[in-house]
N, C-alpha and C. Protein backbone atom coordinates (compact mmCIF):
# COMPACT_ATOMS: atom_id res chain seq x y z
N UNK A 1 -7.19 -17.12 -1.52
CA UNK A 1 -6.87 -18.32 -0.76
C UNK A 1 -6.00 -19.27 -1.59
N UNK A 2 -6.17 -19.23 -2.90
CA UNK A 2 -5.41 -20.11 -3.79
C UNK A 2 -3.91 -19.92 -3.61
N UNK A 3 -3.48 -18.67 -3.39
CA UNK A 3 -2.06 -18.35 -3.29
C UNK A 3 -1.53 -18.41 -1.86
N UNK A 4 -2.34 -18.78 -0.90
CA UNK A 4 -1.94 -18.75 0.50
C UNK A 4 -0.64 -19.51 0.73
N UNK A 5 0.24 -18.88 1.48
CA UNK A 5 1.51 -19.50 1.85
C UNK A 5 1.60 -19.48 3.37
N UNK A 6 1.28 -20.62 3.97
CA UNK A 6 1.22 -20.72 5.42
C UNK A 6 2.54 -20.46 6.11
N UNK A 7 3.64 -20.85 5.49
CA UNK A 7 4.95 -20.65 6.10
C UNK A 7 5.24 -19.16 6.22
N UNK A 8 5.02 -18.42 5.14
CA UNK A 8 5.25 -16.97 5.19
C UNK A 8 4.25 -16.31 6.14
N UNK A 9 2.99 -16.71 6.07
CA UNK A 9 1.97 -16.14 6.94
C UNK A 9 2.34 -16.34 8.41
N UNK A 10 2.77 -17.54 8.75
CA UNK A 10 3.16 -17.81 10.14
C UNK A 10 4.37 -16.99 10.54
N UNK A 11 5.33 -16.87 9.65
CA UNK A 11 6.53 -16.08 9.94
C UNK A 11 6.19 -14.61 10.18
N UNK A 12 5.33 -14.07 9.33
CA UNK A 12 4.92 -12.67 9.48
C UNK A 12 4.16 -12.47 10.79
N UNK A 13 3.31 -13.41 11.11
CA UNK A 13 2.54 -13.33 12.35
C UNK A 13 3.47 -13.36 13.56
N UNK A 14 4.44 -14.26 13.54
CA UNK A 14 5.41 -14.37 14.64
C UNK A 14 6.29 -13.12 14.74
N UNK A 15 6.50 -12.45 13.60
CA UNK A 15 7.30 -11.23 13.59
C UNK A 15 6.53 -10.03 14.14
N UNK A 16 5.24 -10.23 14.42
CA UNK A 16 4.46 -9.17 15.05
C UNK A 16 3.60 -8.34 14.12
N UNK A 17 3.34 -8.83 12.92
CA UNK A 17 2.46 -8.09 12.02
C UNK A 17 1.10 -7.91 12.71
N UNK A 18 0.50 -6.72 12.59
CA UNK A 18 -0.71 -6.41 13.36
C UNK A 18 -2.02 -6.90 12.75
N UNK A 19 -1.97 -7.59 11.64
CA UNK A 19 -3.18 -7.98 10.94
C UNK A 19 -3.83 -9.22 11.56
N UNK A 20 -5.14 -9.29 11.47
CA UNK A 20 -5.87 -10.47 11.94
C UNK A 20 -5.74 -11.61 10.93
N UNK A 21 -5.67 -11.24 9.63
CA UNK A 21 -5.57 -12.24 8.57
C UNK A 21 -4.34 -11.95 7.72
N UNK A 22 -3.50 -12.97 7.55
CA UNK A 22 -2.31 -12.87 6.70
C UNK A 22 -2.30 -14.11 5.82
N UNK A 23 -2.37 -13.89 4.51
CA UNK A 23 -2.34 -15.02 3.57
C UNK A 23 -0.92 -15.42 3.19
N UNK A 24 0.03 -14.52 3.37
CA UNK A 24 1.41 -14.83 3.06
C UNK A 24 1.77 -14.68 1.60
N UNK A 25 1.00 -13.91 0.86
CA UNK A 25 1.33 -13.69 -0.54
C UNK A 25 2.59 -12.84 -0.67
N UNK A 26 3.34 -13.13 -1.71
CA UNK A 26 4.56 -12.37 -1.99
C UNK A 26 4.23 -11.29 -3.02
N UNK A 27 5.12 -10.31 -3.13
CA UNK A 27 4.89 -9.17 -4.01
C UNK A 27 4.62 -9.58 -5.46
N UNK A 28 5.35 -10.52 -6.05
CA UNK A 28 5.03 -10.91 -7.43
C UNK A 28 3.61 -11.47 -7.59
N UNK A 29 3.14 -12.19 -6.57
CA UNK A 29 1.77 -12.70 -6.63
C UNK A 29 0.76 -11.56 -6.54
N UNK A 30 1.01 -10.61 -5.64
CA UNK A 30 0.11 -9.45 -5.52
C UNK A 30 0.10 -8.64 -6.81
N UNK A 31 1.26 -8.46 -7.41
CA UNK A 31 1.33 -7.71 -8.67
C UNK A 31 0.58 -8.45 -9.78
N UNK A 32 0.64 -9.78 -9.79
CA UNK A 32 -0.10 -10.56 -10.78
C UNK A 32 -1.61 -10.39 -10.61
N UNK A 33 -2.08 -10.43 -9.39
CA UNK A 33 -3.50 -10.22 -9.11
C UNK A 33 -3.89 -8.81 -9.52
N UNK A 34 -3.05 -7.84 -9.18
CA UNK A 34 -3.33 -6.45 -9.54
C UNK A 34 -3.42 -6.29 -11.05
N UNK A 35 -2.54 -6.93 -11.77
CA UNK A 35 -2.54 -6.85 -13.23
C UNK A 35 -3.85 -7.40 -13.81
N UNK A 36 -4.30 -8.53 -13.27
CA UNK A 36 -5.57 -9.11 -13.73
C UNK A 36 -6.74 -8.17 -13.44
N UNK A 37 -6.73 -7.56 -12.27
CA UNK A 37 -7.82 -6.64 -11.90
C UNK A 37 -7.81 -5.41 -12.80
N UNK A 38 -6.62 -4.89 -13.09
CA UNK A 38 -6.51 -3.71 -13.95
C UNK A 38 -7.02 -3.99 -15.36
N UNK A 39 -6.88 -5.22 -15.81
CA UNK A 39 -7.36 -5.60 -17.14
C UNK A 39 -8.88 -5.77 -17.17
N UNK A 40 -9.45 -6.16 -16.04
CA UNK A 40 -10.88 -6.50 -16.04
C UNK A 40 -11.79 -5.41 -15.48
N UNK A 41 -11.25 -4.42 -14.80
CA UNK A 41 -12.08 -3.37 -14.21
C UNK A 41 -11.79 -2.02 -14.85
N UNK A 42 -12.80 -1.14 -14.83
CA UNK A 42 -12.55 0.20 -15.33
C UNK A 42 -11.98 1.06 -14.21
N UNK A 43 -11.59 2.27 -14.53
CA UNK A 43 -10.92 3.15 -13.58
C UNK A 43 -11.77 3.41 -12.34
N UNK A 44 -13.05 3.68 -12.53
CA UNK A 44 -13.92 3.95 -11.38
C UNK A 44 -14.01 2.73 -10.46
N UNK A 45 -14.08 1.56 -11.05
CA UNK A 45 -14.14 0.33 -10.26
C UNK A 45 -12.83 0.10 -9.50
N UNK A 46 -11.71 0.43 -10.14
CA UNK A 46 -10.42 0.29 -9.47
C UNK A 46 -10.29 1.24 -8.29
N UNK A 47 -10.76 2.47 -8.48
CA UNK A 47 -10.74 3.45 -7.38
C UNK A 47 -11.58 2.94 -6.22
N UNK A 48 -12.80 2.51 -6.51
CA UNK A 48 -13.69 2.01 -5.46
C UNK A 48 -13.12 0.80 -4.74
N UNK A 49 -12.62 -0.15 -5.52
CA UNK A 49 -12.04 -1.36 -4.93
C UNK A 49 -10.79 -1.02 -4.13
N UNK A 50 -9.97 -0.13 -4.68
CA UNK A 50 -8.76 0.29 -3.97
C UNK A 50 -9.08 0.91 -2.62
N UNK A 51 -10.10 1.74 -2.59
CA UNK A 51 -10.48 2.37 -1.32
C UNK A 51 -11.06 1.35 -0.35
N UNK A 52 -11.84 0.40 -0.85
CA UNK A 52 -12.38 -0.64 0.03
C UNK A 52 -11.27 -1.52 0.59
N UNK A 53 -10.34 -1.91 -0.26
CA UNK A 53 -9.24 -2.76 0.19
C UNK A 53 -8.36 -2.03 1.21
N UNK A 54 -8.10 -0.76 0.94
CA UNK A 54 -7.27 0.01 1.87
C UNK A 54 -7.95 0.17 3.23
N UNK A 55 -9.24 0.28 3.23
CA UNK A 55 -9.99 0.44 4.48
C UNK A 55 -9.98 -0.83 5.33
N UNK A 56 -9.67 -1.96 4.73
CA UNK A 56 -9.64 -3.24 5.44
C UNK A 56 -8.31 -3.38 6.17
N UNK A 57 -8.25 -2.87 7.37
CA UNK A 57 -7.01 -2.87 8.15
C UNK A 57 -6.68 -4.23 8.76
N UNK A 58 -7.59 -5.18 8.62
CA UNK A 58 -7.39 -6.49 9.24
C UNK A 58 -6.69 -7.50 8.35
N UNK A 59 -6.59 -7.21 7.04
CA UNK A 59 -6.01 -8.18 6.10
C UNK A 59 -4.80 -7.56 5.40
N UNK A 60 -3.65 -8.15 5.62
CA UNK A 60 -2.40 -7.63 5.05
C UNK A 60 -2.49 -7.47 3.53
N UNK A 61 -2.93 -8.50 2.87
CA UNK A 61 -2.94 -8.47 1.40
C UNK A 61 -3.94 -7.46 0.85
N UNK A 62 -4.99 -7.17 1.57
CA UNK A 62 -5.94 -6.14 1.13
C UNK A 62 -5.25 -4.78 1.05
N UNK A 63 -4.51 -4.46 2.09
CA UNK A 63 -3.83 -3.17 2.13
C UNK A 63 -2.79 -3.05 1.01
N UNK A 64 -2.03 -4.11 0.80
CA UNK A 64 -0.99 -4.06 -0.23
C UNK A 64 -1.58 -4.06 -1.63
N UNK A 65 -2.63 -4.83 -1.84
CA UNK A 65 -3.28 -4.86 -3.15
C UNK A 65 -3.90 -3.51 -3.48
N UNK A 66 -4.43 -2.82 -2.49
CA UNK A 66 -4.99 -1.48 -2.72
C UNK A 66 -3.94 -0.56 -3.33
N UNK A 67 -2.72 -0.62 -2.81
CA UNK A 67 -1.64 0.22 -3.32
C UNK A 67 -1.27 -0.14 -4.76
N UNK A 68 -1.42 -1.41 -5.09
CA UNK A 68 -1.03 -1.88 -6.41
C UNK A 68 -2.08 -1.61 -7.48
N UNK A 69 -3.34 -1.45 -7.09
CA UNK A 69 -4.39 -1.27 -8.11
C UNK A 69 -4.91 0.16 -8.22
N UNK A 70 -4.69 0.98 -7.20
CA UNK A 70 -5.25 2.33 -7.23
C UNK A 70 -4.64 3.11 -8.39
N UNK A 71 -5.45 3.70 -9.25
CA UNK A 71 -4.91 4.44 -10.39
C UNK A 71 -4.17 5.71 -9.93
N UNK A 72 -2.88 5.82 -10.19
CA UNK A 72 -2.10 6.97 -9.72
C UNK A 72 -2.66 8.32 -10.17
N UNK A 73 -3.22 8.37 -11.36
CA UNK A 73 -3.75 9.64 -11.86
C UNK A 73 -5.06 10.03 -11.18
N UNK A 74 -5.63 9.16 -10.39
CA UNK A 74 -6.86 9.45 -9.64
C UNK A 74 -6.57 9.72 -8.17
N UNK A 75 -5.32 9.57 -7.78
CA UNK A 75 -4.94 9.80 -6.39
C UNK A 75 -4.68 11.28 -6.16
N UNK A 76 -5.40 11.86 -5.23
CA UNK A 76 -5.18 13.27 -4.88
C UNK A 76 -4.07 13.35 -3.85
N UNK A 77 -3.50 14.52 -3.70
CA UNK A 77 -2.46 14.69 -2.69
C UNK A 77 -3.05 14.50 -1.29
N UNK A 78 -4.30 14.90 -1.11
CA UNK A 78 -4.93 14.69 0.20
C UNK A 78 -5.11 13.21 0.51
N UNK A 79 -5.51 12.43 -0.49
CA UNK A 79 -5.66 10.98 -0.31
C UNK A 79 -4.29 10.35 -0.04
N UNK A 80 -3.26 10.81 -0.74
CA UNK A 80 -1.91 10.30 -0.51
C UNK A 80 -1.47 10.58 0.93
N UNK A 81 -1.73 11.78 1.39
CA UNK A 81 -1.38 12.14 2.78
C UNK A 81 -2.16 11.28 3.78
N UNK A 82 -3.41 11.02 3.45
CA UNK A 82 -4.26 10.18 4.31
C UNK A 82 -3.69 8.77 4.39
N UNK A 83 -3.29 8.22 3.25
CA UNK A 83 -2.74 6.86 3.23
C UNK A 83 -1.40 6.81 3.96
N UNK A 84 -0.58 7.85 3.84
CA UNK A 84 0.69 7.89 4.56
C UNK A 84 0.43 7.93 6.07
N UNK A 85 -0.52 8.74 6.48
CA UNK A 85 -0.85 8.86 7.91
C UNK A 85 -1.44 7.56 8.46
N UNK A 86 -1.97 6.72 7.59
CA UNK A 86 -2.66 5.51 8.00
C UNK A 86 -1.79 4.25 7.91
N UNK A 87 -0.51 4.41 7.64
CA UNK A 87 0.37 3.25 7.51
C UNK A 87 0.41 2.45 8.80
N UNK A 88 0.37 1.12 8.66
CA UNK A 88 0.37 0.24 9.83
C UNK A 88 1.69 -0.48 10.06
N UNK A 89 2.45 -0.71 8.98
CA UNK A 89 3.67 -1.50 9.10
C UNK A 89 4.78 -0.91 8.23
N UNK A 90 5.98 -1.34 8.50
CA UNK A 90 7.12 -0.91 7.69
C UNK A 90 6.98 -1.41 6.25
N UNK A 91 6.40 -2.58 6.09
CA UNK A 91 6.16 -3.12 4.75
C UNK A 91 5.26 -2.19 3.96
N UNK A 92 4.18 -1.72 4.57
CA UNK A 92 3.28 -0.77 3.90
C UNK A 92 4.04 0.52 3.58
N UNK A 93 4.88 0.98 4.51
CA UNK A 93 5.64 2.21 4.29
C UNK A 93 6.65 2.05 3.16
N UNK A 94 7.15 0.84 2.93
CA UNK A 94 8.04 0.57 1.80
C UNK A 94 7.27 0.53 0.48
N UNK A 95 6.13 -0.16 0.51
CA UNK A 95 5.42 -0.43 -0.73
C UNK A 95 4.53 0.71 -1.22
N UNK A 96 4.03 1.53 -0.34
CA UNK A 96 3.19 2.65 -0.80
C UNK A 96 3.96 3.56 -1.76
N UNK A 97 5.17 4.00 -1.43
CA UNK A 97 5.91 4.81 -2.41
C UNK A 97 6.25 4.03 -3.69
N UNK A 98 6.64 2.76 -3.52
CA UNK A 98 7.06 1.97 -4.67
C UNK A 98 5.91 1.63 -5.61
N UNK A 99 4.79 1.21 -5.08
CA UNK A 99 3.67 0.77 -5.92
C UNK A 99 2.79 1.90 -6.42
N UNK A 100 2.70 2.98 -5.68
CA UNK A 100 1.72 4.01 -6.03
C UNK A 100 2.28 5.42 -6.08
N UNK A 101 2.84 5.89 -5.00
CA UNK A 101 3.18 7.31 -4.91
C UNK A 101 4.22 7.76 -5.92
N UNK A 102 5.13 6.90 -6.31
CA UNK A 102 6.17 7.30 -7.27
C UNK A 102 5.59 7.65 -8.64
N UNK A 103 4.37 7.24 -8.89
CA UNK A 103 3.73 7.50 -10.19
C UNK A 103 2.86 8.76 -10.15
N UNK A 104 2.99 9.55 -9.09
CA UNK A 104 2.18 10.77 -8.95
C UNK A 104 3.06 12.00 -9.16
N UNK A 105 2.44 13.12 -9.51
CA UNK A 105 3.23 14.33 -9.77
C UNK A 105 3.59 15.12 -8.51
N UNK A 106 3.10 14.71 -7.35
CA UNK A 106 3.30 15.53 -6.16
C UNK A 106 4.29 14.94 -5.16
N UNK A 107 5.25 14.19 -5.65
CA UNK A 107 6.27 13.62 -4.78
C UNK A 107 6.99 14.70 -3.96
N UNK A 108 7.46 15.80 -4.59
CA UNK A 108 8.16 16.81 -3.79
C UNK A 108 7.32 17.36 -2.63
N UNK A 109 6.04 17.58 -2.86
CA UNK A 109 5.18 18.08 -1.79
C UNK A 109 5.04 17.07 -0.66
N UNK A 110 4.94 15.79 -1.00
CA UNK A 110 4.83 14.75 0.03
C UNK A 110 6.12 14.64 0.83
N UNK A 111 7.25 14.78 0.17
CA UNK A 111 8.54 14.71 0.86
C UNK A 111 8.68 15.87 1.84
N UNK A 112 8.20 17.03 1.44
CA UNK A 112 8.31 18.23 2.28
C UNK A 112 7.36 18.21 3.47
N UNK A 113 6.31 17.41 3.41
CA UNK A 113 5.37 17.33 4.54
C UNK A 113 6.13 16.95 5.79
N UNK A 114 5.87 17.66 6.85
CA UNK A 114 6.58 17.34 8.09
C UNK A 114 5.92 16.18 8.82
N UNK A 115 4.59 16.07 8.74
CA UNK A 115 3.89 15.00 9.43
C UNK A 115 3.97 15.18 10.93
N UNK A 116 3.44 14.25 11.64
CA UNK A 116 3.46 14.25 13.11
C UNK A 116 4.83 13.77 13.58
N UNK A 117 5.40 14.40 14.60
CA UNK A 117 6.74 13.99 15.06
C UNK A 117 6.85 12.53 15.48
N UNK A 118 5.77 11.93 15.94
CA UNK A 118 5.80 10.53 16.36
C UNK A 118 5.44 9.56 15.23
N UNK A 119 5.26 10.10 14.03
CA UNK A 119 4.83 9.28 12.89
C UNK A 119 6.05 8.68 12.19
N UNK A 120 6.64 7.65 12.81
CA UNK A 120 7.84 7.04 12.26
C UNK A 120 7.61 6.42 10.90
N UNK A 121 6.47 5.76 10.71
CA UNK A 121 6.20 5.11 9.42
C UNK A 121 5.99 6.14 8.33
N UNK A 122 5.31 7.23 8.65
CA UNK A 122 5.12 8.30 7.67
C UNK A 122 6.44 8.92 7.27
N UNK A 123 7.31 9.16 8.24
CA UNK A 123 8.64 9.70 7.95
C UNK A 123 9.43 8.72 7.09
N UNK A 124 9.33 7.45 7.42
CA UNK A 124 10.02 6.42 6.65
C UNK A 124 9.53 6.41 5.20
N UNK A 125 8.21 6.48 5.01
CA UNK A 125 7.64 6.48 3.65
C UNK A 125 8.09 7.72 2.87
N UNK A 126 8.12 8.87 3.54
CA UNK A 126 8.56 10.09 2.85
C UNK A 126 10.04 9.99 2.47
N UNK A 127 10.84 9.38 3.33
CA UNK A 127 12.26 9.17 2.99
C UNK A 127 12.38 8.22 1.81
N UNK A 128 11.55 7.20 1.75
CA UNK A 128 11.57 6.26 0.62
C UNK A 128 11.22 6.96 -0.69
N UNK A 129 10.37 7.97 -0.61
CA UNK A 129 9.99 8.72 -1.80
C UNK A 129 11.16 9.48 -2.41
N UNK A 130 12.15 9.80 -1.59
CA UNK A 130 13.33 10.52 -2.07
C UNK A 130 13.96 9.81 -3.28
N UNK A 131 13.88 8.48 -3.29
CA UNK A 131 14.47 7.70 -4.38
C UNK A 131 13.79 7.95 -5.72
N UNK A 132 12.55 8.43 -5.67
CA UNK A 132 11.77 8.57 -6.91
C UNK A 132 11.64 10.04 -7.35
N UNK A 133 12.28 10.92 -6.64
CA UNK A 133 12.19 12.36 -6.91
C UNK A 133 12.79 12.71 -8.26
């Protein structure tokens, strides 16, 4: 709540973001919070918190913070595919490859995944991964 930016939150809401709660945090703020969490929690705690935050589909910042704190070396290809299939917005589709997937060894396999033909966000995320190949 300390970092809440009402102007950005209102703009995102008006743009049609599907979340019930939007704090309006910007990426540098999320990365700062992620950095603090990484310093204070162990790997198992980060995995657990990352999964809890990702499961919270109602809060924009929860979903983005999950991508920033989840330890890449603990992410399985199945979990990566699950997160790609669960993307809610173009912002998530941009940030998942940038914050997390690019640090994994299975980028080529994720790019090759065909996914569901109607899965525009998943296709978009896989295309974004091309930059990190």
